Amino acid sequence: MQGKGILTLENGESYDGEWKNGLADGMGEYTKTDGSKYMGKHSGGKRDGNGVISWRT
């Protein structure tokens, strides 16, 4: 996958953002099943640099 897109895993977690060579790469938002989110930069499929984590209360 290249460019922008959304991936939803079987367990309900999802990534909405930029892709490069099939991996999260660039700005995006990862949402876990408990409602917590990480919004920020990704590189090679992993969080990289500054970002914001929010928890559902």
Foldseek 3Di string as FASTA:
>chain_A
DAAWDKDADPQGWIKGGGDDPRAQAAWIKTADPQGKIWTDGDHRNHDDDDIDIDGDD
